Amino acid sequence: MDKYALVTGGGGFVGSALSSRLISEGYHVTIIDDLSDGKQENIPAEAEFHKLDISDSSSFNSIPQYPYKIIFHVAAQASNAISWQYPARDLMVNQLGTYNVLEFCVKRNITRIIFTSSMSTYGLPEILPTLESIEMKPDTFYAVHKLASEHYFRIFSKEHGIDYTIFRLYTTYGHGQNLDNVNQGLLSIYLSYIVNKKPLIVKGSKNRTRDIIHVNDVVEAIILSLSNDISFNKIYNLGSGQHLTIKEIIELLTTGMGYEPGEYPVKYEDNTQGDPFDTFADISAVMQDLGWKPAISPHEGIRITLEALQ
């Protein structure tokens, strides 16, 4: 029996990696993306692609009438900085777009959906490592809209029987990130400067920490949740369970690109509003429920990411 899956944001970094994995797992994959952040070349050749804007509910009428059993909702405006500049656009994509995806599920009788949320929903966490159950204090438009979207899933589950799994992604990196976008993705922002041999601009202190997770580990957790009903209607952190200082991350990137420690020019600027000083995921829940654990350490992940660039 054919397996049909719909991936929103499949032209983006995480969405394209997930789509490729789903195809290898035997799924017929339909990708929808407006390509505002994603790229056409990221879309696997075996996938069926439809360019549309999820904030426009009428655009969903163009999606083929396949018997989809599951939707992977990955599409997002994923930059805290951009959410401050264009909060209404962030609202349209991240909140209204999610509502439209869920309404599409109801119309097409799709009862399973997986959503990639963000660790930004915690705001400025006071407890590290951070559990999924702590009080949520989102501190940016992006985080507020992501958290509101999480509540939509709960409501649609109760009212329409849609089973969801939500993954709050920590800083995700790996080969395939858009190095042309210096507003989104911590490691890709830094790599963009380094690859183009420009002084590295860092927002905030070098002593801040980040829990970074390789995209392959993110995809693996999502795949494991497909056939495991213990994950239904639950929220999980997805991080490496480790955190590195910004200084350590910069040194791994620059030395991996052939520079001596401290050689590459770095300029420090004020922190982006609402950006936490430390991020560090408690990943015990996803490890226990799904039998998942990160296979790629931050050091190894950065190494293989840089190898793919050279």
Protein backbone atom coordinates (compact mmCIF):
# COMPACT_ATOMS: atom_id res chain seq x y z
CA MET A 1 0.00 0.00 0.00
CA ASP A 2 1.34 3.43 -0.96
CA LYS A 3 2.26 5.78 1.88
CA TYR A 4 1.52 9.46 1.25
CA ALA A 5 3.01 12.27 3.33
CA LEU A 6 2.72 16.03 3.04
CA VAL A 7 5.67 18.18 4.17
CA THR A 8 5.23 21.92 4.64
CA GLY A 9 8.46 23.87 4.26
CA GLY A 10 10.12 21.02 2.38
CA GLY A 11 12.37 23.43 0.51
CA GLY A 12 14.00 24.54 3.74
CA PHE A 13 16.85 23.08 5.72
CA VAL A 14 15.06 20.69 8.08
CA GLY A 15 12.13 20.09 5.74
CA SER A 16 14.28 18.97 2.83
CA ALA A 17 16.37 16.65 5.01
CA LEU A 18 13.18 15.13 6.41
CA SER A 19 11.66 14.76 2.93
CA SER A 20 14.71 12.88 1.67
CA ARG A 21 14.53 10.51 4.61
CA LEU A 22 10.79 9.92 4.11
CA ILE A 23 11.38 9.07 0.46
CA SER A 24 14.03 6.55 1.49
CA GLU A 25 11.45 5.08 3.90
CA GLY A 26 9.06 4.48 0.99
CA TYR A 27 6.78 7.51 1.27
CA HIS A 28 5.30 9.38 -1.65
CA VAL A 29 6.17 12.92 -0.52
CA THR A 30 4.35 16.08 -1.49
CA ILE A 31 6.18 19.28 -0.57
CA ILE A 32 4.56 22.68 -0.22
CA ASP A 33 6.75 25.75 0.21
CA ASP A 34 6.61 29.40 -0.85
CA LEU A 35 10.43 29.41 -1.23
CA SER A 36 10.75 32.63 0.78
CA ASP A 37 13.47 30.94 2.86
CA GLY A 38 13.73 27.53 1.21
CA LYS A 39 15.37 26.83 -2.11
CA GLN A 40 14.15 24.93 -5.16
CA GLU A 41 17.43 23.01 -5.33
CA ASN A 42 16.85 21.63 -1.83
CA ILE A 43 13.72 19.78 -2.94
CA PRO A 44 14.40 16.09 -3.63
CA ALA A 45 13.83 15.14 -7.25
CA GLU A 46 11.55 12.28 -6.20
CA ALA A 47 9.18 14.61 -4.32
CA GLU A 48 6.15 16.32 -5.81
CA PHE A 49 6.38 20.07 -5.29
CA HIS A 50 3.70 22.74 -5.11
CA LYS A 51 4.62 26.36 -4.51
CA LEU A 52 2.11 27.94 -2.16
CA ASP A 53 1.83 30.23 0.84
CA ILE A 54 0.41 28.51 3.94
CA SER A 55 -0.90 31.84 5.25
CA ASP A 56 -3.37 31.84 2.32
CA SER A 57 -6.05 29.24 3.10
CA SER A 58 -7.32 29.17 -0.50
CA SER A 59 -3.92 27.98 -1.74
CA PHE A 60 -4.48 24.60 -0.08
CA ASN A 61 -7.11 23.83 -2.74
CA SER A 62 -4.28 23.12 -5.19
CA ILE A 63 -2.87 20.24 -3.12
CA PRO A 64 -3.49 16.87 -4.82
CA GLN A 65 -6.26 14.61 -3.55
CA TYR A 66 -3.88 11.90 -2.35
CA PRO A 67 -4.82 9.76 0.66
CA TYR A 68 -2.42 11.52 3.03
CA LYS A 69 -2.12 9.81 6.40
CA ILE A 70 0.27 12.31 7.96
CA ILE A 71 1.47 15.90 7.67
CA PHE A 72 4.87 17.15 8.77
CA HIS A 73 4.45 20.84 9.49
CA VAL A 74 7.94 22.31 9.24
CA ALA A 75 7.24 25.57 7.37
CA ALA A 76 7.98 28.68 9.43
CA GLN A 77 9.44 32.11 9.59
CA ALA A 78 12.26 30.97 11.84
CA SER A 79 14.18 34.10 12.80
CA ASN A 80 13.74 35.93 16.10
CA ALA A 81 15.39 39.00 14.56
CA ILE A 82 13.04 39.06 11.58
CA SER A 83 10.04 38.59 13.87
CA TRP A 84 10.92 41.91 15.53
CA GLN A 85 11.18 43.66 12.15
CA TYR A 86 8.04 42.15 10.62
CA PRO A 87 5.81 40.87 13.44
CA ALA A 88 2.66 40.78 11.31
CA ARG A 89 4.34 38.57 8.73
CA ASP A 90 5.59 36.30 11.50
CA LEU A 91 2.01 36.07 12.80
CA MET A 92 0.66 35.23 9.34
CA VAL A 93 3.15 32.45 8.65
CA ASN A 94 3.72 30.92 12.06
CA GLN A 95 0.28 31.24 13.61
CA LEU A 96 -2.30 31.65 10.84
CA GLY A 97 -0.30 29.28 8.64
CA THR A 98 -0.45 26.60 11.34
CA TYR A 99 -4.18 27.12 11.76
CA ASN A 100 -4.65 26.71 8.00
CA VAL A 101 -2.64 23.48 8.02
CA LEU A 102 -4.83 22.09 10.80
CA GLU A 103 -8.03 23.12 8.99
CA PHE A 104 -6.69 21.29 5.94
CA CYS A 105 -6.25 18.19 8.12
CA VAL A 106 -9.91 18.40 9.14
CA LYS A 107 -11.12 18.84 5.55
CA ARG A 108 -9.02 15.94 4.28
CA ASN A 109 -9.63 13.70 7.30
CA ILE A 110 -5.91 13.56 8.16
CA THR A 111 -5.54 12.48 11.78
CA ARG A 112 -1.76 12.56 12.35
CA ILE A 113 0.53 15.58 12.30
CA ILE A 114 4.07 16.29 13.47
CA PHE A 115 5.09 19.87 14.20
CA THR A 116 8.54 21.40 14.61
CA SER A 117 8.29 24.06 17.28
CA SER A 118 11.17 25.86 18.97
CA MET A 119 13.07 26.12 22.22
CA SER A 120 12.39 29.86 21.89
CA THR A 121 8.96 29.19 23.40
CA TYR A 122 10.63 28.93 26.83
CA GLY A 123 11.78 32.54 26.68
CA LEU A 124 14.69 33.12 29.04
CA PRO A 125 14.76 29.83 30.99
CA GLU A 126 15.93 30.04 34.58
CA ILE A 127 16.36 26.27 34.94
CA LEU A 128 19.04 24.36 33.03
CA PRO A 129 18.80 21.81 31.58
CA THR A 130 15.27 22.84 30.64
CA LEU A 131 12.35 20.44 30.98
CA GLU A 132 9.28 20.58 28.75
CA SER A 133 7.12 21.19 31.82
CA ILE A 134 8.62 24.50 33.00
CA GLU A 135 6.58 27.69 32.93
CA MET A 136 6.55 29.12 29.42
CA LYS A 137 7.58 32.77 29.13
CA PRO A 138 8.02 33.49 25.40
CA ASP A 139 9.89 36.75 24.95
CA THR A 140 9.74 37.42 21.19
CA PHE A 141 6.98 37.58 18.59
CA TYR A 142 8.39 34.42 17.02
CA ALA A 143 8.26 32.54 20.33
CA VAL A 144 4.75 33.78 21.15
CA HIS A 145 3.44 32.67 17.76
CA LYS A 146 5.12 29.26 18.04
CA LEU A 147 3.66 28.69 21.49
CA ALA A 148 0.19 29.77 20.32
CA SER A 149 0.52 27.25 17.49
CA GLU A 150 1.26 24.51 20.02
CA HIS A 151 -2.06 25.29 21.69
CA TYR A 152 -3.86 25.00 18.35
CA PHE A 153 -2.70 21.39 18.14
CA ARG A 154 -4.13 20.66 21.57
CA ILE A 155 -7.48 22.19 20.61
CA PHE A 156 -7.69 20.43 17.24
CA SER A 157 -6.76 17.15 18.90
CA LYS A 158 -9.60 17.53 21.39
CA GLU A 159 -12.18 18.74 18.87
CA HIS A 160 -11.24 16.73 15.78
CA GLY A 161 -9.23 13.72 16.95
CA ILE A 162 -5.97 14.80 15.32
CA ASP A 163 -2.99 13.14 17.00
CA TYR A 164 0.03 15.42 17.14
CA THR A 165 3.65 15.22 18.20
CA ILE A 166 5.51 18.46 18.80
CA PHE A 167 9.29 18.72 18.81
CA ARG A 168 10.83 21.86 20.29
CA LEU A 169 14.01 22.12 18.27
CA TYR A 170 17.16 23.55 19.76
CA THR A 171 19.80 25.12 17.52
CA THR A 172 19.79 22.83 14.49
CA TYR A 173 22.68 22.72 12.05
CA GLY A 174 24.23 20.61 9.31
CA HIS A 175 24.90 20.49 5.60
CA GLY A 176 22.20 22.17 3.53
CA GLN A 177 21.64 25.30 5.59
CA ASN A 178 21.11 28.52 3.67
CA LEU A 179 24.37 30.44 3.97
CA ASP A 180 22.83 33.40 2.12
CA ASN A 181 20.58 34.21 5.07
CA VAL A 182 22.42 35.99 7.90
CA ASN A 183 19.29 36.28 10.04
CA GLN A 184 18.50 32.62 10.63
CA GLY A 185 20.42 29.66 12.06
CA LEU A 186 23.29 30.40 14.43
CA LEU A 187 25.90 28.17 12.81
CA SER A 188 24.85 29.02 9.26
CA ILE A 189 25.09 32.73 10.09
CA TYR A 190 28.62 32.27 11.40
CA LEU A 191 29.59 30.06 8.46
CA SER A 192 28.26 32.62 6.00
CA TYR A 193 30.73 35.18 7.31
CA ILE A 194 33.62 32.71 7.39
CA VAL A 195 33.01 31.23 3.93
CA ASN A 196 32.83 34.74 2.47
CA LYS A 197 35.94 35.76 4.44
CA LYS A 198 34.16 38.60 6.22
CA PRO A 199 34.66 39.56 9.88
CA LEU A 200 32.37 37.44 12.02
CA ILE A 201 29.59 39.49 13.63
CA VAL A 202 28.34 37.95 16.86
CA LYS A 203 25.25 39.17 18.69
CA GLY A 204 25.85 39.04 22.44
CA SER A 205 28.55 37.63 24.69
CA LYS A 206 31.05 34.94 23.71
CA ASN A 207 30.22 33.29 27.04
CA ARG A 208 26.62 32.54 26.07
CA THR A 209 25.90 28.85 25.54
CA ARG A 210 23.92 26.95 22.94
CA ASP A 211 22.65 23.38 22.79
CA ILE A 212 23.21 22.47 19.14
CA ILE A 213 21.79 19.40 17.39
CA HIS A 214 22.65 17.94 14.00
CA VAL A 215 19.78 17.82 11.51
CA ASN A 216 20.21 14.06 11.03
CA ASP A 217 19.45 13.52 14.71
CA VAL A 218 16.36 15.71 14.41
CA VAL A 219 15.10 13.69 11.45
CA GLU A 220 15.77 10.40 13.23
CA ALA A 221 13.63 11.43 16.21
CA ILE A 222 10.79 12.45 13.91
CA ILE A 223 10.95 9.13 12.06
CA LEU A 224 10.90 7.19 15.34
CA SER A 225 7.75 9.00 16.41
CA LEU A 226 5.81 7.85 13.33
CA SER A 227 5.05 4.35 14.51
CA ASN A 228 5.20 4.96 18.25
CA ASP A 229 1.82 5.97 19.65
CA ILE A 230 3.40 6.81 23.01
CA SER A 231 4.45 10.05 21.31
CA PHE A 232 0.87 10.99 20.39
CA ASN A 233 -0.23 14.35 21.80
CA LYS A 234 3.09 14.98 23.50
CA ILE A 235 5.77 17.64 23.33
CA TYR A 236 9.49 16.85 23.31
CA ASN A 237 12.71 18.82 23.49
CA LEU A 238 15.15 17.98 20.72
CA GLY A 239 18.70 18.96 21.50
CA SER A 240 22.02 17.23 21.97
CA GLY A 241 21.83 17.38 25.76
CA GLN A 242 25.10 19.33 25.70
CA HIS A 243 25.83 23.02 25.50
CA LEU A 244 28.86 24.83 24.15
CA THR A 245 29.85 28.45 24.62
CA ILE A 246 29.67 30.73 21.62
CA LYS A 247 33.46 31.02 21.88
CA GLU A 248 33.80 27.22 21.62
CA ILE A 249 31.47 27.08 18.62
CA ILE A 250 33.38 29.83 16.83
CA GLU A 251 36.71 28.09 17.48
CA LEU A 252 35.38 24.77 16.16
CA LEU A 253 34.15 26.50 12.99
CA THR A 254 37.22 28.65 12.34
CA THR A 255 39.84 26.01 13.15
CA GLY A 256 37.87 23.55 11.04
CA MET A 257 38.20 26.03 8.17
CA GLY A 258 41.95 26.20 8.59
CA TYR A 259 42.43 29.18 10.91
CA GLU A 260 44.44 29.22 14.12
CA PRO A 261 42.50 29.66 17.37
CA GLY A 262 41.72 33.34 17.83
CA GLU A 263 43.02 34.26 14.37
CA TYR A 264 39.70 34.95 12.66
CA PRO A 265 38.37 38.51 13.22
CA VAL A 266 35.25 38.62 15.39
CA LYS A 267 33.11 41.67 16.15
CA TYR A 268 30.70 41.52 19.10
CA GLU A 269 27.47 43.52 19.04
CA ASP A 270 24.46 43.87 21.31
CA ASN A 271 22.37 40.76 21.84
CA THR A 272 19.17 40.31 19.81
CA GLN A 273 16.19 41.24 21.99
CA GLY A 274 14.69 38.19 23.67
CA ASP A 275 17.62 35.93 22.86
CA PRO A 276 18.47 33.75 25.91
CA PHE A 277 21.94 33.73 27.43
CA ASP A 278 21.97 29.94 27.83
CA THR A 279 20.10 27.09 26.12
CA PHE A 280 20.42 23.52 27.35
CA ALA A 281 17.78 20.86 26.69
CA ASP A 282 16.68 18.14 29.05
CA ILE A 283 16.12 15.34 26.52
CA SER A 284 15.22 12.57 28.95
CA ALA A 285 11.57 12.40 27.80
CA VAL A 286 12.29 11.81 24.11
CA MET A 287 15.03 9.33 24.99
CA GLN A 288 12.72 7.35 27.25
CA ASP A 289 9.62 7.39 25.04
CA LEU A 290 11.18 6.90 21.62
CA GLY A 291 14.42 5.11 22.46
CA TRP A 292 16.17 7.98 20.68
CA LYS A 293 19.50 9.49 21.53
CA PRO A 294 21.70 11.91 19.59
CA ALA A 295 24.11 9.93 17.44
CA ILE A 296 26.23 12.90 16.38
CA SER A 297 28.12 14.92 18.99
CA PRO A 298 28.46 18.68 18.46
CA HIS A 299 32.18 18.33 17.72
CA GLU A 300 31.62 15.53 15.19
CA GLY A 301 28.62 17.29 13.67
CA ILE A 302 30.55 20.48 13.04
CA ARG A 303 33.39 18.47 11.52
CA ILE A 304 31.18 16.67 8.99
CA THR A 305 29.29 19.88 8.22
CA LEU A 306 32.54 21.63 7.34
CA GLU A 307 33.75 18.65 5.29
CA ALA A 308 30.62 18.91 3.14
CA LEU A 309 31.45 22.55 2.39
CA GLN A 310 35.00 21.88 1.22
